[in-house]
Amino acid sequence: MVSYLARRMSRPRVVAIVLALAAILVVSLLPTWRAEAATPAATPAATPAAAPAAAPAKAIPHPVPTLPPGQVLFLGRIAHPQLLTVADLAAKYPQHTQTVTFQSGAGPQTHTYTGPLLYDVLQAAKPAFRSDVKNDALRYAAVVHASDGYESVVSWGEIDPGFAGTEALLAVTQDGVSLAKEGPRLTAPGDTKGGRYVSGVTSVTLVRAGL
């Protein structure tokens, strides 16, 4: 039938009919196209928020044993860790006396202290300096810990007679009064402020700070 109609109609008429049918098809599809255009594109599923990075672990402080007042533990980079009392510090090492003045929160203070040099006590404990490193001792420091948690640091170069030679004491008396009950006091002659005059010393740890 279609071929028969095609033979009966002229070519221009056939073209006109085809174009008309195409136009009808386009018009019929317009509502569908408009609906699709109006529909918002599918939103990709929300990606779950990344879990916040875990906070870096806090450094755990080096534990310092709790000791009764009047006892001092010597430890760290030494060959002979030991526990000494104020009486031991007074009897086993040469005693030195010094009168010092320093600023405190209550104003200037002047006191007279007697006791062994911190240098002498640590030397007797045999610091583990490396013989293969030039002046390895200058990489070391003594961390002085008090019964109330207070701490201060004294470098080896400060107390070594071959360098600064500061005569820091582990004083066993203050102004003639024994410190046996509260523990020895570190002195820092030459310091303007009294922050390194550590009272009630309970431990001295020799550490190596250098690479």
Protein backbone atom coordinates (compact mmCIF):
# COMPACT_ATOMS: atom_id res chain seq x y z
CA MET A 1 0.00 0.00 0.00
CA VAL A 2 2.71 2.45 0.94
CA SER A 3 4.63 1.74 -2.26
CA TYR A 4 1.43 2.17 -4.26
CA LEU A 5 0.73 5.57 -2.67
CA ALA A 6 4.32 6.60 -3.26
CA ARG A 7 3.92 5.79 -7.00
CA ARG A 8 0.62 7.69 -7.20
CA MET A 9 1.90 10.88 -5.46
CA SER A 10 4.49 13.26 -6.75
CA ARG A 11 7.83 13.54 -5.02
CA PRO A 12 7.24 17.06 -3.65
CA ARG A 13 4.01 15.94 -2.09
CA VAL A 14 5.69 12.94 -0.44
CA VAL A 15 8.37 15.25 1.02
CA ALA A 16 5.70 17.59 2.34
CA ILE A 17 3.87 14.73 4.05
CA VAL A 18 7.09 13.42 5.65
CA LEU A 19 7.94 16.88 7.00
CA ALA A 20 4.42 17.26 8.38
CA LEU A 21 4.64 13.91 10.19
CA ALA A 22 8.05 14.91 11.64
CA ALA A 23 6.61 18.20 12.91
CA ILE A 24 3.72 16.38 14.57
CA LEU A 25 6.19 14.01 16.30
CA VAL A 26 8.31 16.91 17.62
CA VAL A 27 5.27 18.75 18.99
CA SER A 28 4.05 15.61 20.74
CA LEU A 29 7.39 15.11 22.45
CA LEU A 30 7.80 18.73 23.67
CA PRO A 31 5.94 18.22 27.04
CA THR A 32 8.17 15.27 27.88
CA TRP A 33 11.35 17.21 27.10
CA ARG A 34 10.18 20.18 29.16
CA ALA A 35 9.39 17.94 32.16
CA GLU A 36 12.82 16.36 31.98
CA ALA A 37 14.48 19.77 31.75
CA ALA A 38 12.56 21.02 34.79
CA THR A 39 13.53 18.02 36.93
CA PRO A 40 16.68 18.83 38.96
CA ALA A 41 19.59 16.58 38.41
CA ALA A 42 19.93 13.89 41.00
CA THR A 43 22.11 15.09 43.84
CA PRO A 44 24.91 12.69 44.60
CA ALA A 45 24.58 11.07 47.98
CA ALA A 46 26.28 13.16 50.59
CA THR A 47 29.67 11.86 51.41
CA PRO A 48 29.94 11.25 55.12
CA ALA A 49 32.16 13.85 56.75
CA ALA A 50 35.59 12.56 57.34
CA ALA A 51 36.20 11.80 60.97
CA PRO A 52 38.36 14.48 62.55
CA ALA A 53 41.98 13.55 62.79
CA ALA A 54 42.85 12.13 66.14
CA ALA A 55 44.64 14.62 68.38
CA PRO A 56 48.33 13.86 68.76
CA ALA A 57 49.06 11.88 71.86
CA LYS A 58 50.32 13.98 74.70
CA ALA A 59 53.83 13.35 75.82
CA ILE A 60 53.88 11.35 79.00
CA PRO A 61 56.09 13.07 81.55
CA HIS A 62 59.02 11.12 82.93
CA PRO A 63 57.78 9.62 86.19
CA VAL A 64 59.59 10.85 89.29
CA PRO A 65 59.22 8.66 92.38
CA THR A 66 57.56 10.22 95.41
CA LEU A 67 60.04 10.17 98.25
CA PRO A 68 59.83 11.19 101.88
CA PRO A 69 61.25 14.67 102.53
CA GLY A 70 64.97 14.65 103.15
CA GLN A 71 65.80 11.95 100.59
CA VAL A 72 67.16 12.58 97.10
CA LEU A 73 67.28 10.11 94.23
CA PHE A 74 70.08 10.50 91.68
CA LEU A 75 69.37 8.86 88.34
CA GLY A 76 69.60 9.29 84.59
CA ARG A 77 72.79 9.07 82.53
CA ILE A 78 75.00 8.00 85.43
CA ALA A 79 76.73 4.72 86.21
CA HIS A 80 75.71 4.66 89.88
CA PRO A 81 72.10 5.70 90.58
CA GLN A 82 71.67 6.18 94.30
CA LEU A 83 69.37 7.38 97.05
CA LEU A 84 70.93 9.83 99.48
CA THR A 85 69.64 11.53 102.61
CA VAL A 86 70.48 15.03 103.76
CA ALA A 87 72.77 13.38 106.31
CA ASP A 88 74.56 11.54 103.49
CA LEU A 89 75.03 14.79 101.56
CA ALA A 90 76.52 16.37 104.68
CA ALA A 91 78.86 13.49 105.51
CA LYS A 92 80.05 12.00 102.20
CA TYR A 93 81.12 15.07 100.22
CA PRO A 94 83.25 18.19 100.80
CA GLN A 95 81.13 21.00 102.27
CA HIS A 96 81.03 24.55 100.95
CA THR A 97 79.46 27.66 102.45
CA GLN A 98 78.14 30.61 100.44
CA THR A 99 76.10 33.73 101.14
CA VAL A 100 73.83 34.71 98.27
CA THR A 101 71.29 37.42 97.47
CA PHE A 102 68.44 37.02 94.97
CA GLN A 103 65.06 38.49 94.12
CA SER A 104 61.89 36.64 95.12
CA GLY A 105 58.19 37.37 95.02
CA ALA A 106 58.51 38.75 98.53
CA GLY A 107 61.45 40.99 97.61
CA PRO A 108 65.24 40.56 97.91
CA GLN A 109 66.50 37.73 100.08
CA THR A 110 69.94 37.01 101.49
CA HIS A 111 70.81 33.61 102.93
CA THR A 112 73.84 31.57 103.87
CA TYR A 113 73.88 27.98 102.67
CA THR A 114 76.18 25.02 103.39
CA GLY A 115 76.35 21.75 101.48
CA PRO A 116 78.16 19.82 98.76
CA LEU A 117 78.56 21.03 95.20
CA LEU A 118 76.03 19.56 92.78
CA TYR A 119 79.01 18.95 90.49
CA ASP A 120 80.81 16.84 93.12
CA VAL A 121 77.77 14.66 93.83
CA LEU A 122 77.14 13.99 90.14
CA GLN A 123 80.81 13.36 89.44
CA ALA A 124 80.83 10.71 92.18
CA ALA A 125 77.88 9.03 90.42
CA LYS A 126 79.99 8.72 87.24
CA PRO A 127 78.22 10.51 84.37
CA ALA A 128 78.00 8.38 81.22
CA PHE A 129 79.73 10.85 78.89
CA ARG A 130 80.69 9.53 75.47
CA SER A 131 84.42 9.42 74.88
CA ASP A 132 83.96 9.39 71.09
CA VAL A 133 82.16 12.78 71.03
CA LYS A 134 84.12 16.00 71.48
CA ASN A 135 83.11 17.77 74.72
CA ASP A 136 80.14 15.42 75.09
CA ALA A 137 79.62 16.69 78.66
CA LEU A 138 78.39 20.01 77.25
CA ARG A 139 75.31 18.19 75.91
CA TYR A 140 74.20 17.27 79.42
CA ALA A 141 72.01 18.93 82.03
CA ALA A 142 70.73 18.13 85.51
CA VAL A 143 66.95 18.26 85.97
CA VAL A 144 66.28 19.09 89.62
CA HIS A 145 62.84 18.03 90.89
CA ALA A 146 61.20 19.28 94.10
CA SER A 147 58.67 17.66 96.44
CA ASP A 148 55.95 20.08 95.26
CA GLY A 149 56.51 19.22 91.56
CA TYR A 150 58.64 22.28 90.81
CA GLU A 151 61.56 21.70 88.46
CA SER A 152 64.60 23.56 87.21
CA VAL A 153 67.51 22.70 84.92
CA VAL A 154 71.22 23.32 85.32
CA SER A 155 73.50 22.59 82.38
CA TRP A 156 76.73 20.69 82.92
CA GLY A 157 78.75 23.52 81.41
CA GLU A 158 77.46 25.85 84.14
CA ILE A 159 78.70 23.75 87.05
CA ASP A 160 81.85 22.23 85.50
CA PRO A 161 84.95 24.04 86.88
CA GLY A 162 86.48 23.77 83.41
CA PHE A 163 83.74 26.01 82.00
CA ALA A 164 81.49 28.40 83.97
CA GLY A 165 82.31 26.75 87.31
CA THR A 166 79.16 28.00 89.08
CA GLU A 167 79.20 26.59 92.61
CA ALA A 168 75.62 25.36 92.75
CA LEU A 169 75.08 23.61 96.08
CA LEU A 170 72.72 20.94 97.30
CA ALA A 171 72.52 22.84 100.56
CA VAL A 172 71.89 20.86 103.74
CA THR A 173 71.57 23.96 105.96
CA GLN A 174 70.09 27.42 105.46
CA ASP A 175 71.26 30.17 107.79
CA GLY A 176 72.62 27.49 110.11
CA VAL A 177 69.32 25.53 110.27
CA SER A 178 69.26 21.93 109.05
CA LEU A 179 67.18 21.12 105.98
CA ALA A 180 66.87 17.45 106.94
CA LYS A 181 63.07 17.59 107.23
CA GLU A 182 62.22 19.50 104.04
CA GLY A 183 65.12 18.27 101.93
CA PRO A 184 68.18 19.99 100.45
CA ARG A 185 67.99 23.21 98.50
CA LEU A 186 69.65 23.80 95.16
CA THR A 187 71.43 27.15 95.01
CA ALA A 188 72.24 29.20 91.92
CA PRO A 189 74.81 31.83 92.90
CA GLY A 190 75.01 34.56 90.32
CA ASP A 191 71.32 34.35 89.36
CA THR A 192 69.49 37.66 89.84
CA LYS A 193 66.13 35.95 90.40
CA GLY A 194 65.56 33.04 92.76
CA GLY A 195 63.72 30.76 90.35
CA ARG A 196 66.50 28.17 90.37
CA TYR A 197 66.82 28.06 94.15
CA VAL A 198 64.83 24.82 94.28
CA SER A 199 63.55 23.94 97.76
CA GLY A 200 62.83 20.41 98.95
CA VAL A 201 64.83 18.63 96.26
CA THR A 202 63.75 14.99 95.85
CA SER A 203 65.53 13.94 92.66
CA VAL A 204 68.31 14.95 90.31
CA THR A 205 68.26 13.42 86.82
CA LEU A 206 71.21 13.77 84.50
CA VAL A 207 69.96 13.92 80.91
CA ARG A 208 71.66 14.22 77.52
CA ALA A 209 70.07 16.99 75.49
CA GLY A 210 72.30 16.93 72.42
CA LEU A 211 72.00 14.79 69.28
